[in-house]
Amino acid sequence: MTAGNRLRVMSYNVHSQRDDLAALAAAVRALAPDVVLVQEAPRRFRWRHGCAALAERLGMVVAVGGLPALGNLVLTTLRVRVHRTWTTRFPLTPGRHLRGAAFAECSVGPAPDGSTVSRFVVVGSHLSLDPVERSSQAGLLRAELADVELPVIIGADVNERPDGAAWRTMADGLVDTAVAAGRADVLTFPCPTADRRIDAIFVDPRVQVVDCQVPDTEQIRRASDHYPVLADLLLG
């Protein structure tokens, strides 16, 4: 395996924390991610407090998100340094939810093997239920990254299967970590009787996919209506 800095990334729709919060906290802590890209995080009244409370519950800190990103939230451990953050909002279609994305430029390292610091951008988003709006949002998110030269890691609830137009836009030029790990048949929604894969982590080809899994434990089954996606990565 190539030397580099390991990074464990989780993408998780937490169902607006409407389920078993103790199970959610225990499940995430047991998996020990370095970065969690949360969908359906607090986005309304006292959202800052809600996001901070969720981060504390998971043993992490807030990098960016909440209301400015319409419920998308980037959490990290102290191992990850956050250098720059920003958010975007997608245009509102009347009668539908306002949606957006959260971005954080981060770094990890150096590793014990002498690897240099690895810098990267993580992105979290949750796309529309409407196929036309969803496809437009996927295009807008990728356009937001057009000038980013660092390796990109995107975690999203795409709200469609891999054969959809929005999924193809999200994956264009990137690596679907589940496919790379030989687990493209593992389904993510609805928990616990999943019948489709609508959640994913996509990474820059410069990022090595060590593993990708959809963990399934009793705690996870109580924590949300989605299974989390967990990717182990190696940054050069």
Protein backbone atom coordinates (compact mmCIF):
# COMPACT_ATOMS: atom_id res chain seq x y z
CA MET A 1 0.00 0.00 0.00
CA THR A 2 1.21 3.48 -0.84
CA ALA A 3 2.40 5.59 2.10
CA GLY A 4 0.21 8.49 3.11
CA ASN A 5 -2.20 9.89 5.64
CA ARG A 6 -5.19 7.77 6.53
CA LEU A 7 -8.59 9.40 6.80
CA ARG A 8 -11.88 7.79 7.84
CA VAL A 9 -14.90 9.63 6.44
CA MET A 10 -18.56 8.99 7.22
CA SER A 11 -21.61 10.30 5.37
CA TYR A 12 -24.77 10.01 7.45
CA ASN A 13 -28.34 11.23 7.13
CA VAL A 14 -29.34 11.37 10.80
CA HIS A 15 -33.10 11.79 10.16
CA SER A 16 -33.20 15.16 11.92
CA GLN A 17 -32.25 13.32 15.15
CA ARG A 18 -35.81 12.02 15.47
CA ASP A 19 -34.74 8.51 16.45
CA ASP A 20 -32.60 7.06 19.25
CA LEU A 21 -29.95 9.71 20.01
CA ALA A 22 -28.03 7.51 22.43
CA ALA A 23 -27.81 4.82 19.76
CA LEU A 24 -26.69 7.40 17.19
CA ALA A 25 -23.90 8.64 19.44
CA ALA A 26 -22.75 5.14 20.35
CA ALA A 27 -22.79 3.99 16.73
CA VAL A 28 -20.70 6.88 15.43
CA ARG A 29 -18.25 6.83 18.33
CA ALA A 30 -17.70 3.09 17.86
CA LEU A 31 -16.75 3.62 14.21
CA ALA A 32 -14.37 6.48 15.07
CA PRO A 33 -14.54 8.59 11.89
CA ASP A 34 -12.21 11.57 11.41
CA VAL A 35 -14.85 13.45 9.42
CA VAL A 36 -18.63 13.09 9.47
CA LEU A 37 -20.68 14.67 6.69
CA VAL A 38 -24.13 14.98 8.25
CA GLN A 39 -27.39 15.40 6.41
CA GLU A 40 -30.51 16.63 8.23
CA ALA A 41 -28.54 18.39 10.95
CA PRO A 42 -30.14 21.29 12.89
CA ARG A 43 -31.09 24.14 10.56
CA ARG A 44 -33.80 26.14 12.30
CA PHE A 45 -34.39 27.65 15.77
CA ARG A 46 -31.22 27.62 17.89
CA TRP A 47 -29.41 25.74 15.14
CA ARG A 48 -25.94 26.71 16.41
CA HIS A 49 -26.69 25.16 19.78
CA GLY A 50 -28.18 22.09 18.10
CA CYS A 51 -25.17 21.56 15.85
CA ALA A 52 -22.75 22.01 18.76
CA ALA A 53 -24.76 19.57 20.87
CA LEU A 54 -24.72 16.98 18.08
CA ALA A 55 -20.95 17.40 17.67
CA GLU A 56 -20.38 16.97 21.40
CA ARG A 57 -22.62 13.90 21.43
CA LEU A 58 -20.49 12.33 18.71
CA GLY A 59 -17.18 13.38 20.28
CA MET A 60 -16.35 15.81 17.48
CA VAL A 61 -16.31 19.54 16.69
CA VAL A 62 -18.22 21.66 14.17
CA ALA A 63 -16.30 22.73 11.07
CA VAL A 64 -19.12 24.30 9.06
CA GLY A 65 -22.82 23.96 8.32
CA GLY A 66 -26.21 24.13 9.94
CA LEU A 67 -28.60 26.83 8.77
CA PRO A 68 -26.21 28.40 6.17
CA ALA A 69 -25.91 24.99 4.48
CA LEU A 70 -29.58 24.07 4.98
CA GLY A 71 -28.97 21.17 7.38
CA ASN A 72 -25.69 19.92 5.96
CA LEU A 73 -22.97 19.80 8.59
CA VAL A 74 -19.26 18.93 8.56
CA LEU A 75 -17.90 17.55 11.82
CA THR A 76 -14.27 16.64 12.46
CA THR A 77 -12.03 15.32 15.19
CA LEU A 78 -9.14 17.42 16.45
CA ARG A 79 -6.83 15.32 14.28
CA VAL A 80 -8.20 17.22 11.27
CA ARG A 81 -7.23 20.86 10.83
CA VAL A 82 -9.79 23.10 9.18
CA HIS A 83 -8.32 25.96 7.13
CA ARG A 84 -11.27 27.42 5.23
CA THR A 85 -15.02 26.85 5.05
CA TRP A 86 -17.92 27.99 2.94
CA THR A 87 -21.53 27.07 2.15
CA THR A 88 -23.88 27.35 -0.78
CA ARG A 89 -27.65 27.36 -1.20
CA PHE A 90 -29.37 25.95 -4.24
CA PRO A 91 -32.19 27.96 -5.86
CA LEU A 92 -35.58 27.42 -4.23
CA THR A 93 -38.32 25.73 -6.19
CA PRO A 94 -41.66 26.97 -4.78
CA GLY A 95 -43.29 24.33 -2.63
CA ARG A 96 -40.09 22.37 -2.07
CA HIS A 97 -37.37 22.33 0.58
CA LEU A 98 -34.51 24.81 0.30
CA ARG A 99 -31.29 22.80 0.07
CA GLY A 100 -27.55 23.46 -0.06
CA ALA A 101 -24.08 22.16 0.68
CA ALA A 102 -21.23 22.64 3.16
CA PHE A 103 -17.53 22.78 2.21
CA ALA A 104 -14.37 22.61 4.32
CA GLU A 105 -10.74 22.79 3.25
CA CYS A 106 -8.83 20.60 5.70
CA SER A 107 -5.54 18.83 6.28
CA VAL A 108 -4.17 15.83 8.16
CA GLY A 109 -0.63 14.70 8.87
CA PRO A 110 2.20 14.24 8.90
CA ALA A 111 1.84 10.47 9.34
CA PRO A 112 4.21 8.32 11.43
CA ASP A 113 5.75 6.97 8.20
CA GLY A 114 7.07 10.45 7.43
CA SER A 115 4.39 11.40 4.90
CA THR A 116 3.86 15.10 4.45
CA VAL A 117 0.69 16.95 5.40
CA SER A 118 -2.23 16.07 3.13
CA ARG A 119 -4.65 18.85 2.23
CA PHE A 120 -8.14 18.18 0.83
CA VAL A 121 -11.69 19.55 0.57
CA VAL A 122 -14.68 17.74 2.06
CA VAL A 123 -18.23 18.43 0.91
CA GLY A 124 -21.59 17.41 2.34
CA SER A 125 -24.94 17.73 0.59
CA HIS A 126 -28.50 16.39 0.46
CA LEU A 127 -30.21 16.58 -2.91
CA SER A 128 -33.88 17.04 -3.78
CA LEU A 129 -36.56 14.38 -4.07
CA ASP A 130 -37.60 15.88 -7.42
CA PRO A 131 -35.52 14.45 -10.30
CA VAL A 132 -35.29 17.66 -12.33
CA GLU A 133 -34.38 19.80 -9.33
CA ARG A 134 -31.99 17.12 -8.08
CA SER A 135 -30.11 16.99 -11.36
CA SER A 136 -29.76 20.79 -11.36
CA GLN A 137 -28.48 20.77 -7.77
CA ALA A 138 -25.87 18.14 -8.60
CA GLY A 139 -24.63 20.33 -11.44
CA LEU A 140 -24.49 23.41 -9.23
CA LEU A 141 -22.53 21.53 -6.55
CA ARG A 142 -19.96 20.28 -9.05
CA ALA A 143 -19.69 23.78 -10.56
CA GLU A 144 -18.89 25.11 -7.07
CA LEU A 145 -15.85 22.80 -7.08
CA ALA A 146 -14.67 23.60 -10.59
CA ASP A 147 -11.78 25.78 -9.41
CA VAL A 148 -10.78 23.60 -6.45
CA GLU A 149 -7.38 22.06 -7.16
CA LEU A 150 -7.12 20.00 -3.99
CA PRO A 151 -8.46 16.43 -3.82
CA VAL A 152 -12.20 16.50 -3.18
CA ILE A 153 -14.24 14.14 -0.98
CA ILE A 154 -18.04 14.38 -1.33
CA GLY A 155 -20.52 12.69 0.99
CA ALA A 156 -24.17 12.97 0.04
CA ASP A 157 -27.68 11.69 0.32
CA VAL A 158 -28.22 11.79 -3.45
CA ASN A 159 -31.86 10.72 -3.12
CA GLU A 160 -31.58 8.51 -6.21
CA ARG A 161 -29.98 5.28 -7.33
CA PRO A 162 -26.63 5.10 -9.16
CA ASP A 163 -28.30 4.93 -12.58
CA GLY A 164 -29.84 8.41 -12.16
CA ALA A 165 -28.71 11.62 -13.86
CA ALA A 166 -27.85 13.43 -10.62
CA TRP A 167 -25.76 10.48 -9.39
CA ARG A 168 -23.83 10.44 -12.66
CA THR A 169 -23.17 14.17 -12.34
CA MET A 170 -21.96 13.78 -8.76
CA ALA A 171 -19.70 10.88 -9.71
CA ASP A 172 -18.31 12.42 -12.91
CA GLY A 173 -14.51 12.30 -12.76
CA LEU A 174 -14.61 10.94 -9.21
CA VAL A 175 -14.44 7.49 -7.66
CA ASP A 176 -17.52 5.93 -6.06
CA THR A 177 -15.93 4.45 -2.94
CA ALA A 178 -18.46 1.61 -2.68
CA VAL A 179 -17.70 0.53 -6.25
CA ALA A 180 -13.96 0.79 -5.62
CA ALA A 181 -14.30 -1.43 -2.55
CA GLY A 182 -16.48 -4.00 -4.35
CA ARG A 183 -19.55 -3.14 -2.28
CA ALA A 184 -21.80 -1.42 -4.80
CA ASP A 185 -24.54 -3.93 -3.97
CA VAL A 186 -24.80 -2.82 -0.31
CA LEU A 187 -27.99 -0.77 0.17
CA THR A 188 -28.43 2.28 2.40
CA PHE A 189 -32.15 3.18 2.66
CA PRO A 190 -34.56 2.73 4.33
CA CYS A 191 -33.08 1.36 7.52
CA PRO A 192 -33.47 -1.40 8.67
CA THR A 193 -34.98 -2.95 5.51
CA ALA A 194 -32.94 -1.15 2.86
CA ASP A 195 -33.94 -1.70 -0.76
CA ARG A 196 -31.86 0.98 -2.56
CA ARG A 197 -28.45 2.67 -2.52
CA ILE A 198 -29.00 6.44 -2.41
CA ASP A 199 -26.14 7.50 -0.10
CA ALA A 200 -22.51 7.63 -1.22
CA ILE A 201 -19.01 8.98 -0.77
CA PHE A 202 -17.20 10.09 -3.94
CA VAL A 203 -13.49 10.88 -3.95
CA ASP A 204 -10.87 12.38 -6.21
CA PRO A 205 -8.88 9.73 -8.15
CA ARG A 206 -5.77 10.95 -6.30
CA VAL A 207 -7.29 9.55 -3.10
CA GLN A 208 -6.78 5.83 -2.54
CA VAL A 209 -9.86 3.93 -1.37
CA VAL A 210 -8.72 1.44 1.26
CA ASP A 211 -12.23 0.28 2.13
CA CYS A 212 -15.85 1.35 2.07
CA GLN A 213 -18.65 -0.20 4.08
CA VAL A 214 -22.23 0.34 5.16
CA PRO A 215 -22.10 -0.65 8.84
CA ASP A 216 -25.09 -2.51 10.22
CA THR A 217 -25.46 -2.88 13.97
CA GLU A 218 -28.38 -2.86 16.36
CA GLN A 219 -27.46 0.68 17.38
CA ILE A 220 -27.38 1.85 13.77
CA ARG A 221 -30.81 0.34 13.16
CA ARG A 222 -32.18 2.45 16.01
CA ALA A 223 -30.30 5.63 15.12
CA SER A 224 -31.79 6.76 11.79
CA ASP A 225 -33.80 5.78 8.73
CA HIS A 226 -30.53 5.70 6.74
CA TYR A 227 -27.48 3.52 7.12
CA PRO A 228 -24.19 5.46 7.26
CA VAL A 229 -21.54 5.11 4.54
CA LEU A 230 -18.00 4.77 5.92
CA ALA A 231 -14.90 5.11 3.75
CA ASP A 232 -11.30 4.49 4.75
CA LEU A 233 -9.05 6.60 2.55
CA LEU A 234 -5.35 7.17 2.03
CA LEU A 235 -4.25 10.68 1.08
CA GLY A 236 -0.94 11.00 -0.71
